[in-house]
Amino acid sequence: MKFFHLIWRNVFRKKLRTILTTGSIVLVLVLIVVLVSLLQAMEADPSGGKGSNRLVVQHATGLGNFLTLSQRQRIEQIPGIAALTPEVWFGGVYKDDRPENFFGQLSCDPEIFFKVFDDATIDPQIEKTFRENRNSFVAGQKLAEKFHWKPGQHIILRGTYIPITLDLVYAGSYRAGDEANIFFSNEVLNQSKWAGANKFTGIYYLKVANREDIPRVVTAIDKTFENSDAPTKTMTEKQFQLQFMEMMGNVKGLIRIISLVILFAVTLIVANTVAMSARERVTEIAVMRTLGYRRSHILSFILSESVVMALLAHGPVSLELQSDDPDPGRGFRRVRRRRRAGRIRARDPFVAGKDRGRFKTSRLMSALEAATVWIEASRTNRFIGSLIHRLIASECAIPGQMDRWTDGPMNRF
């Protein structure tokens, strides 16, 4: 790229302004990345797609109502179901009400649980202890490491909407995509004084033998209990997880709108900065026009400066220079010496060799900046004519200069 050194010098003409502009771009990009990452994390499947053959059965009106345990046998009779376990969300308090001490607490059928969640891994001895000891529980490895639980250690959970207190014994940990929960036996609740003991369950988690049977199984379950006192709503594991996000409203749309507004605002800031830089160089632009540069050349220089600033703010600059000269500025310095010696044409005062460059940046930002700079450049051109005439008038005071100006570059205007 022949004029890269000139563009680079103009970008850092006022270093403080360049640093503040690129800093604003970096801040906005970081904010957008954080928002998009948060959205992706909320929508991510903890099982990594391995739970695509799992279904969740809940009450048709929502999770606030319970299903009956008598429905389990009728669901298990539907062809295509490989395993099924009832689960109840306990939601107890561990130690105190601080958020850092909160974690998921669910009851399950120890004999069936790891058949449904076959993507989880657990030591056979730990699984055996979990099955045989009614008061035992298993926890995700990350959760166990967070609280430093040791096998045989007792924990106390104080119930909230289920008004009982549980004394559980840590059996061991399991490895899975989601390791933020603990699971204990349904018998702990069934043997308690809870009003729903041996009567109700929160949801049914089941595994379908073949993925092709999922639509048929979903329809069969919901039709079976369509007119019962506890109608069901069956959905895939992914849909079950997304419904918690839907409870907060259209979070995805809100994050996208915020990101677009922020991006548009910083684009206007950058465009205004570039336009301000162009207005400060009206005299230089006039001189370059007298030397033979077209309006397209001037505009390309200004737009290139905005692209360079955008690339600098993008972290790893996606600018690849392929040059035969290891020092890209050497050609410019050579041209400058030739220009001082008067051995260079007016048409090419900044020729710098065979450097080539490729720029990659956001199309939206470049387009908005181009539109803004084009408007500012059009305004600036009104002043260029008067400046050129002043330069001509000053040159005409020297004998013999009038012919050089009228026969030379001025014929191009």
Protein backbone atom coordinates (compact mmCIF):
# COMPACT_ATOMS: atom_id res chain seq x y z
CA MET A 1 0.00 0.00 0.00
CA LYS A 2 1.73 3.13 -1.28
CA PHE A 3 0.36 5.67 1.18
CA PHE A 4 0.26 3.62 4.36
CA HIS A 5 2.99 5.63 6.07
CA LEU A 6 1.12 8.88 5.36
CA ILE A 7 -2.13 7.39 6.67
CA TRP A 8 -0.37 6.04 9.77
CA ARG A 9 1.13 9.44 10.57
CA ASN A 10 -2.24 11.14 10.18
CA VAL A 11 -3.90 8.59 12.48
CA PHE A 12 -1.49 9.56 15.27
CA ARG A 13 -1.51 13.26 14.46
CA LYS A 14 -3.21 13.79 17.82
CA LYS A 15 -2.36 10.78 19.93
CA LEU A 16 -4.76 11.52 22.80
CA ARG A 17 -7.75 11.68 20.46
CA THR A 18 -6.72 8.45 18.75
CA ILE A 19 -6.23 6.65 22.06
CA LEU A 20 -9.63 7.79 23.36
CA THR A 21 -11.36 6.81 20.12
CA THR A 22 -9.81 3.35 19.91
CA GLY A 23 -10.47 2.91 23.64
CA SER A 24 -14.17 3.59 23.13
CA ILE A 25 -14.27 1.00 20.34
CA VAL A 26 -12.50 -1.57 22.52
CA LEU A 27 -14.89 -0.93 25.42
CA VAL A 28 -17.93 -1.38 23.19
CA LEU A 29 -16.56 -4.55 21.60
CA VAL A 30 -15.83 -6.04 25.03
CA LEU A 31 -19.34 -5.17 26.22
CA ILE A 32 -20.94 -6.75 23.14
CA VAL A 33 -18.82 -9.91 23.52
CA VAL A 34 -19.83 -10.19 27.19
CA LEU A 35 -23.53 -9.77 26.36
CA VAL A 36 -23.41 -12.31 23.53
CA SER A 37 -21.42 -14.77 25.67
CA LEU A 38 -23.97 -14.41 28.47
CA LEU A 39 -26.78 -15.13 26.03
CA GLN A 40 -25.00 -18.19 24.65
CA ALA A 41 -24.29 -19.46 28.16
CA MET A 42 -27.95 -19.13 29.09
CA GLU A 43 -29.01 -21.03 25.97
CA ALA A 44 -26.26 -23.66 26.12
CA ASP A 45 -27.11 -27.31 26.60
CA PRO A 46 -25.21 -28.58 29.67
CA SER A 47 -25.19 -32.12 28.26
CA GLY A 48 -23.56 -30.98 25.03
CA GLY A 49 -26.33 -32.53 22.94
CA LYS A 50 -26.14 -35.91 24.72
CA GLY A 51 -29.53 -35.37 26.32
CA SER A 52 -31.42 -35.13 23.03
CA ASN A 53 -33.27 -38.39 23.82
CA ARG A 54 -34.42 -37.23 27.26
CA LEU A 55 -37.89 -35.87 27.98
CA VAL A 56 -39.35 -33.95 30.90
CA VAL A 57 -42.97 -34.30 31.99
CA GLN A 58 -44.40 -31.48 34.08
CA HIS A 59 -47.85 -30.25 35.03
CA ALA A 60 -49.61 -28.55 32.11
CA THR A 61 -50.10 -25.35 34.10
CA GLY A 62 -46.45 -25.05 35.12
CA LEU A 63 -43.92 -26.11 37.70
CA GLY A 64 -45.96 -24.60 40.51
CA ASN A 65 -48.26 -27.63 40.54
CA PHE A 66 -47.35 -31.24 41.31
CA LEU A 67 -47.96 -34.44 39.40
CA THR A 68 -49.16 -37.59 41.14
CA LEU A 69 -46.91 -40.60 41.74
CA SER A 70 -49.70 -42.82 40.41
CA GLN A 71 -48.97 -41.47 36.93
CA ARG A 72 -45.54 -43.13 36.89
CA GLN A 73 -46.83 -46.61 36.16
CA ARG A 74 -49.02 -45.45 33.27
CA ILE A 75 -46.14 -43.50 31.71
CA GLU A 76 -43.78 -46.48 31.97
CA GLN A 77 -46.28 -48.60 30.01
CA ILE A 78 -45.92 -46.40 26.91
CA PRO A 79 -43.71 -48.18 24.33
CA GLY A 80 -40.33 -46.61 23.65
CA ILE A 81 -39.51 -45.42 27.19
CA ALA A 82 -36.25 -46.91 28.46
CA ALA A 83 -36.06 -45.39 31.97
CA LEU A 84 -38.01 -42.95 34.13
CA THR A 85 -37.39 -41.25 37.45
CA PRO A 86 -39.58 -38.84 39.45
CA GLU A 87 -37.84 -35.70 40.73
CA VAL A 88 -38.79 -33.09 43.31
CA TRP A 89 -37.10 -29.71 43.66
CA PHE A 90 -36.38 -29.29 47.37
CA GLY A 91 -34.91 -25.78 47.34
CA GLY A 92 -33.56 -25.86 50.88
CA VAL A 93 -31.16 -23.46 52.60
CA TYR A 94 -27.59 -24.61 53.22
CA LYS A 95 -25.81 -22.77 56.07
CA ASP A 96 -27.45 -19.37 55.36
CA ASP A 97 -29.33 -17.40 52.72
CA ARG A 98 -26.25 -15.98 51.00
CA PRO A 99 -26.26 -16.55 47.20
CA GLU A 100 -22.86 -18.25 47.26
CA ASN A 101 -24.33 -21.05 49.38
CA PHE A 102 -27.19 -21.77 46.99
CA PHE A 103 -27.22 -24.86 44.75
CA GLY A 104 -29.75 -27.17 43.13
CA GLN A 105 -31.26 -29.89 45.35
CA LEU A 106 -33.41 -32.57 43.76
CA SER A 107 -34.74 -35.94 44.85
CA CYS A 108 -34.64 -38.88 42.46
CA ASP A 109 -34.81 -42.66 42.20
CA PRO A 110 -31.22 -43.86 42.86
CA GLU A 111 -31.86 -47.13 41.01
CA ILE A 112 -32.88 -45.35 37.79
CA PHE A 113 -31.20 -41.95 37.92
CA PHE A 114 -27.91 -42.84 36.23
CA LYS A 115 -29.77 -44.86 33.60
CA VAL A 116 -31.61 -41.73 32.54
CA PHE A 117 -28.49 -39.57 32.78
CA ASP A 118 -26.18 -42.06 31.14
CA ASP A 119 -23.83 -39.28 29.96
CA ALA A 120 -22.79 -38.66 33.58
CA THR A 121 -19.87 -40.64 35.00
CA ILE A 122 -19.61 -41.87 38.58
CA ASP A 123 -17.48 -44.34 40.45
CA PRO A 124 -19.31 -47.70 40.81
CA GLN A 125 -18.61 -47.80 44.53
CA ILE A 126 -20.08 -44.33 45.02
CA GLU A 127 -23.16 -45.31 43.02
CA LYS A 128 -23.57 -48.42 45.15
CA THR A 129 -23.42 -46.34 48.34
CA PHE A 130 -25.93 -43.91 46.87
CA ARG A 131 -28.37 -46.75 46.18
CA GLU A 132 -27.99 -48.56 49.49
CA ASN A 133 -27.91 -45.64 51.93
CA ARG A 134 -31.26 -43.83 51.94
CA ASN A 135 -29.86 -40.59 53.45
CA SER A 136 -26.88 -40.33 51.11
CA PHE A 137 -26.51 -37.85 48.29
CA VAL A 138 -24.22 -37.32 45.32
CA ALA A 139 -22.98 -33.92 44.12
CA GLY A 140 -21.31 -32.55 41.03
CA GLN A 141 -17.56 -32.58 41.33
CA LYS A 142 -17.23 -28.77 40.99
CA LEU A 143 -19.84 -28.25 43.69
CA ALA A 144 -18.15 -30.75 46.02
CA GLU A 145 -14.79 -29.05 45.51
CA LYS A 146 -16.34 -25.65 46.21
CA PHE A 147 -17.66 -26.70 49.64
CA HIS A 148 -14.82 -29.19 50.34
CA TRP A 149 -17.18 -32.03 51.14
CA LYS A 150 -15.62 -35.33 52.19
CA PRO A 151 -17.25 -38.79 51.93
CA GLY A 152 -19.33 -39.45 55.04
CA GLN A 153 -19.77 -35.76 55.86
CA HIS A 154 -23.24 -34.65 57.00
CA ILE A 155 -24.96 -31.53 55.66
CA ILE A 156 -28.17 -29.91 56.91
CA LEU A 157 -30.73 -28.49 54.48
CA ARG A 158 -33.54 -26.36 55.90
CA GLY A 159 -36.67 -26.64 53.79
CA THR A 160 -38.50 -23.63 52.35
CA TYR A 161 -41.77 -24.51 50.61
CA ILE A 162 -41.39 -28.08 51.90
CA PRO A 163 -41.32 -27.45 55.69
CA ILE A 164 -38.89 -30.16 56.77
CA THR A 165 -35.18 -30.31 57.55
CA LEU A 166 -32.94 -32.88 55.87
CA ASP A 167 -29.81 -34.48 57.30
CA LEU A 168 -27.90 -35.92 54.32
CA VAL A 169 -24.61 -37.80 54.05
CA TYR A 170 -22.18 -37.09 51.23
CA ALA A 171 -21.47 -40.31 49.27
CA GLY A 172 -19.28 -38.92 46.49
CA SER A 173 -19.24 -36.87 43.30
CA TYR A 174 -20.20 -37.39 39.68
CA ARG A 175 -18.93 -35.81 36.46
CA ALA A 176 -21.35 -34.26 33.95
CA GLY A 177 -21.97 -31.14 31.91
CA ASP A 178 -23.85 -29.55 34.81
CA GLU A 179 -22.13 -30.10 38.16
CA ALA A 180 -24.02 -27.51 40.22
CA ASN A 181 -26.62 -29.84 41.79
CA ILE A 182 -26.97 -32.54 44.41
CA PHE A 183 -29.31 -35.54 44.17
CA PHE A 184 -30.74 -37.58 47.01
CA SER A 185 -33.29 -40.41 47.26
CA ASN A 186 -37.02 -39.84 46.94
CA GLU A 187 -37.42 -42.02 50.04
CA VAL A 188 -36.01 -39.19 52.14
CA LEU A 189 -39.13 -37.15 51.34
CA ASN A 190 -41.51 -40.11 51.31
CA GLN A 191 -40.52 -41.12 54.85
CA SER A 192 -40.86 -37.56 56.17
CA LYS A 193 -43.88 -35.68 57.52
CA TRP A 194 -44.28 -33.72 54.29
CA ALA A 195 -47.93 -33.52 53.19
CA GLY A 196 -47.06 -34.71 49.70
CA ALA A 197 -45.09 -37.78 50.83
CA ASN A 198 -45.89 -40.85 48.71
CA LYS A 199 -48.43 -38.79 46.78
CA PHE A 200 -46.81 -36.16 44.59
CA THR A 201 -43.72 -35.43 42.55
CA GLY A 202 -42.55 -32.33 40.78
CA ILE A 203 -41.59 -33.71 37.36
CA TYR A 204 -40.77 -36.96 35.60
CA TYR A 205 -37.44 -37.27 33.83
CA LEU A 206 -37.37 -40.06 31.27
CA LYS A 207 -35.16 -41.46 28.55
CA VAL A 208 -36.48 -42.60 25.17
CA ALA A 209 -34.77 -45.57 23.56
CA ASN A 210 -34.77 -44.08 20.03
CA ARG A 211 -34.82 -40.42 19.10
CA GLU A 212 -37.24 -41.17 16.27
CA ASP A 213 -39.85 -42.17 18.88
CA ILE A 214 -39.76 -38.84 20.73
CA PRO A 215 -42.73 -37.19 18.91
CA ARG A 216 -44.86 -40.29 19.38
CA VAL A 217 -43.98 -40.61 23.08
CA VAL A 218 -44.66 -36.91 23.73
CA THR A 219 -48.09 -37.15 22.13
CA ALA A 220 -48.93 -40.40 23.91
CA ILE A 221 -48.07 -39.05 27.38
CA ASP A 222 -50.03 -35.83 27.00
CA LYS A 223 -53.03 -37.61 25.50
CA THR A 224 -53.08 -40.13 28.35
CA PHE A 225 -53.56 -37.44 31.00
CA GLU A 226 -55.39 -34.90 28.87
CA ASN A 227 -58.65 -35.07 30.86
CA SER A 228 -57.22 -36.04 34.25
CA ASP A 229 -56.88 -33.94 37.39
CA ALA A 230 -53.15 -33.52 36.63
CA PRO A 231 -52.76 -32.88 32.87
CA THR A 232 -49.20 -33.04 31.61
CA LYS A 233 -46.94 -31.09 29.31
CA THR A 234 -44.10 -33.15 27.87
CA MET A 235 -41.08 -31.51 26.27
CA THR A 236 -37.47 -32.20 25.43
CA GLU A 237 -34.71 -31.44 27.89
CA LYS A 238 -33.62 -28.44 25.80
CA GLN A 239 -37.13 -26.97 25.77
CA PHE A 240 -37.41 -27.51 29.51
CA GLN A 241 -34.24 -25.51 30.11
CA LEU A 242 -35.24 -22.70 27.75
CA GLN A 243 -38.53 -22.12 29.53
CA PHE A 244 -36.63 -20.76 32.55
CA MET A 245 -35.10 -18.16 30.26
CA GLU A 246 -38.50 -17.30 28.83
CA MET A 247 -39.71 -16.49 32.33
CA MET A 248 -37.41 -13.44 32.26
CA GLY A 249 -38.99 -12.15 29.04
CA ASN A 250 -37.44 -11.70 25.62
CA VAL A 251 -33.87 -11.54 26.90
CA LYS A 252 -32.40 -12.49 23.53
CA GLY A 253 -34.15 -9.63 21.72
CA LEU A 254 -33.22 -7.15 24.46
CA ILE A 255 -29.53 -8.08 24.34
CA ARG A 256 -29.46 -7.80 20.55
CA ILE A 257 -31.14 -4.37 20.59
CA ILE A 258 -28.71 -3.11 23.24
CA SER A 259 -25.74 -4.40 21.24
CA LEU A 260 -26.92 -2.73 18.03
CA VAL A 261 -27.60 0.60 19.77
CA ILE A 262 -24.16 0.59 21.40
CA LEU A 263 -22.48 -0.35 18.12
CA PHE A 264 -24.33 2.40 16.24
CA ALA A 265 -23.41 4.99 18.90
CA VAL A 266 -19.71 4.18 18.84
CA THR A 267 -19.79 4.19 15.02
CA LEU A 268 -21.09 7.77 15.09
CA ILE A 269 -18.37 8.70 17.57
CA VAL A 270 -15.64 7.28 15.37
CA ALA A 271 -17.14 8.88 12.26
CA ASN A 272 -17.28 12.26 13.99
CA THR A 273 -13.65 11.89 15.07
CA VAL A 274 -12.54 11.14 11.52
CA ALA A 275 -14.60 14.03 10.16
CA MET A 276 -13.06 16.36 12.75
CA SER A 277 -9.62 15.23 11.69
CA ALA A 278 -10.50 15.97 8.06
CA ARG A 279 -11.77 19.47 8.84
CA GLU A 280 -8.51 20.28 10.63
CA ARG A 281 -6.55 19.52 7.46
CA VAL A 282 -8.38 21.74 4.99
CA THR A 283 -5.17 23.55 4.07
CA GLU A 284 -3.28 20.31 3.52
CA ILE A 285 -6.12 18.94 1.43
CA ALA A 286 -6.02 22.10 -0.70
CA VAL A 287 -2.29 21.66 -1.28
CA MET A 288 -2.74 18.01 -2.25
CA ARG A 289 -5.50 19.03 -4.69
CA THR A 290 -3.17 21.53 -6.32
CA LEU A 291 -0.58 18.78 -6.67
CA GLY A 292 -3.02 16.71 -8.72
CA TYR A 293 -4.79 14.46 -6.23
CA ARG A 294 -8.42 13.74 -7.06
CA ARG A 295 -11.27 13.93 -4.59
CA SER A 296 -11.45 10.13 -4.54
CA HIS A 297 -7.80 10.02 -3.41
CA ILE A 298 -8.44 12.43 -0.53
CA LEU A 299 -11.55 10.56 0.54
CA SER A 300 -9.75 7.20 0.41
CA PHE A 301 -6.99 8.58 2.66
CA ILE A 302 -9.53 9.73 5.26
CA LEU A 303 -11.51 6.48 5.12
CA SER A 304 -8.29 4.48 5.43
CA GLU A 305 -7.50 6.32 8.65
CA SER A 306 -10.87 5.27 10.11
CA VAL A 307 -10.23 1.67 9.06
CA VAL A 308 -6.78 1.71 10.70
CA MET A 309 -8.29 3.00 13.96
CA ALA A 310 -10.95 0.29 13.84
CA LEU A 311 -8.28 -2.37 13.26
CA LEU A 312 -6.17 -1.10 16.14
CA ALA A 313 -9.19 -1.40 18.41
CA HIS A 314 -9.93 -4.95 17.30
CA GLY A 315 -7.04 -6.34 19.35
CA PRO A 316 -4.98 -8.56 17.03
CA VAL A 317 -4.78 -6.25 14.02
CA SER A 318 -6.00 -8.09 10.94
CA LEU A 319 -3.58 -6.27 8.71
CA GLU A 320 -1.11 -8.34 6.72
CA LEU A 321 1.56 -6.47 4.86
CA GLN A 322 3.47 -8.20 2.09
CA SER A 323 6.42 -6.09 1.07
CA ASP A 324 9.74 -6.67 -0.63
CA ASP A 325 11.28 -3.99 1.58
CA PRO A 326 11.73 -5.03 5.23
CA ASP A 327 11.38 -1.34 6.21
CA PRO A 328 8.04 -0.02 4.88
CA GLY A 329 8.98 3.57 5.74
CA ARG A 330 12.23 3.51 3.78
CA GLY A 331 10.53 4.22 0.46
CA PHE A 332 8.65 7.18 1.88
CA ARG A 333 11.83 8.67 3.30
CA ARG A 334 13.56 8.20 -0.05
CA VAL A 335 10.72 9.98 -1.84
CA ARG A 336 10.83 12.80 0.69
CA ARG A 337 14.56 13.31 0.01
CA ARG A 338 13.91 13.33 -3.72
CA ARG A 339 11.07 15.78 -3.27
CA ARG A 340 13.31 18.14 -1.29
CA ALA A 341 15.91 17.90 -4.06
CA GLY A 342 13.24 18.80 -6.65
CA ARG A 343 13.58 15.51 -8.62
CA ILE A 344 9.99 14.29 -8.37
CA ARG A 345 6.81 14.99 -10.34
CA ALA A 346 3.85 16.80 -8.82
CA ARG A 347 1.58 13.88 -9.59
CA ASP A 348 3.32 11.33 -7.35
CA PRO A 349 5.01 12.99 -4.37
CA PHE A 350 4.32 10.10 -1.99
CA VAL A 351 5.14 7.01 -4.05
CA ALA A 352 6.55 4.45 -1.63
CA GLY A 353 7.31 1.29 -3.58
CA LYS A 354 5.28 -1.91 -3.97
CA ASP A 355 3.76 -2.34 -0.53
CA ARG A 356 0.40 -4.07 -0.48
CA GLY A 357 -2.15 -4.32 2.33
CA ARG A 358 -5.37 -6.05 3.07
CA PHE A 359 -7.86 -4.67 5.58
CA LYS A 360 -10.67 -6.60 7.26
CA THR A 361 -13.16 -4.77 9.50
CA SER A 362 -16.85 -4.48 10.23
CA ARG A 363 -18.93 -3.65 7.14
CA LEU A 364 -21.52 -1.78 9.13
CA MET A 365 -18.98 0.45 10.86
CA SER A 366 -17.08 1.17 7.64
CA ALA A 367 -20.26 1.99 5.74
CA LEU A 368 -21.53 4.44 8.36
CA GLU A 369 -18.13 6.07 8.67
CA ALA A 370 -17.86 6.36 4.88
CA ALA A 371 -21.26 8.07 4.66
CA THR A 372 -20.43 10.55 7.41
CA VAL A 373 -16.97 11.37 6.07
CA TRP A 374 -18.36 11.79 2.55
CA ILE A 375 -20.79 14.44 3.82
CA GLU A 376 -18.03 16.21 5.72
CA ALA A 377 -15.71 16.02 2.69
CA SER A 378 -18.39 17.61 0.53
CA ARG A 379 -18.63 20.52 2.97
CA THR A 380 -14.87 20.84 3.07
CA ASN A 381 -14.61 21.15 -0.72
CA ARG A 382 -16.35 24.52 -0.53
CA PHE A 383 -13.32 25.95 1.22
CA ILE A 384 -10.72 24.29 -0.99
CA GLY A 385 -11.40 26.53 -3.98
CA SER A 386 -10.83 29.75 -2.08
CA LEU A 387 -7.63 28.38 -0.56
CA ILE A 388 -6.31 27.36 -3.96
CA HIS A 389 -6.97 30.83 -5.36
CA ARG A 390 -5.09 32.35 -2.43
CA LEU A 391 -2.14 30.07 -3.15
CA ILE A 392 -2.25 31.08 -6.83
CA ALA A 393 -2.41 34.75 -5.92
CA SER A 394 0.66 34.43 -3.73
CA GLU A 395 2.54 32.55 -6.46
CA CYS A 396 1.60 35.16 -9.06
CA ALA A 397 3.60 37.76 -7.15
CA ILE A 398 6.72 35.94 -8.42
CA PRO A 399 7.45 36.55 -12.14
CA GLY A 400 6.96 33.50 -14.34
CA GLN A 401 4.85 31.55 -11.86
CA MET A 402 1.47 32.29 -13.43
CA ASP A 403 2.12 30.18 -16.51
CA ARG A 404 3.25 27.19 -14.45
CA TRP A 405 0.05 27.19 -12.42
CA THR A 406 -2.37 27.79 -15.29
CA ASP A 407 -0.72 25.27 -17.60
CA GLY A 408 -0.23 22.67 -14.92
CA PRO A 409 -2.45 21.13 -12.26
CA MET A 410 -5.13 23.86 -12.40
CA ASN A 411 -6.35 22.57 -15.74
CA ARG A 412 -7.69 19.53 -13.91
CA PHE A 413 -10.21 21.53 -11.81
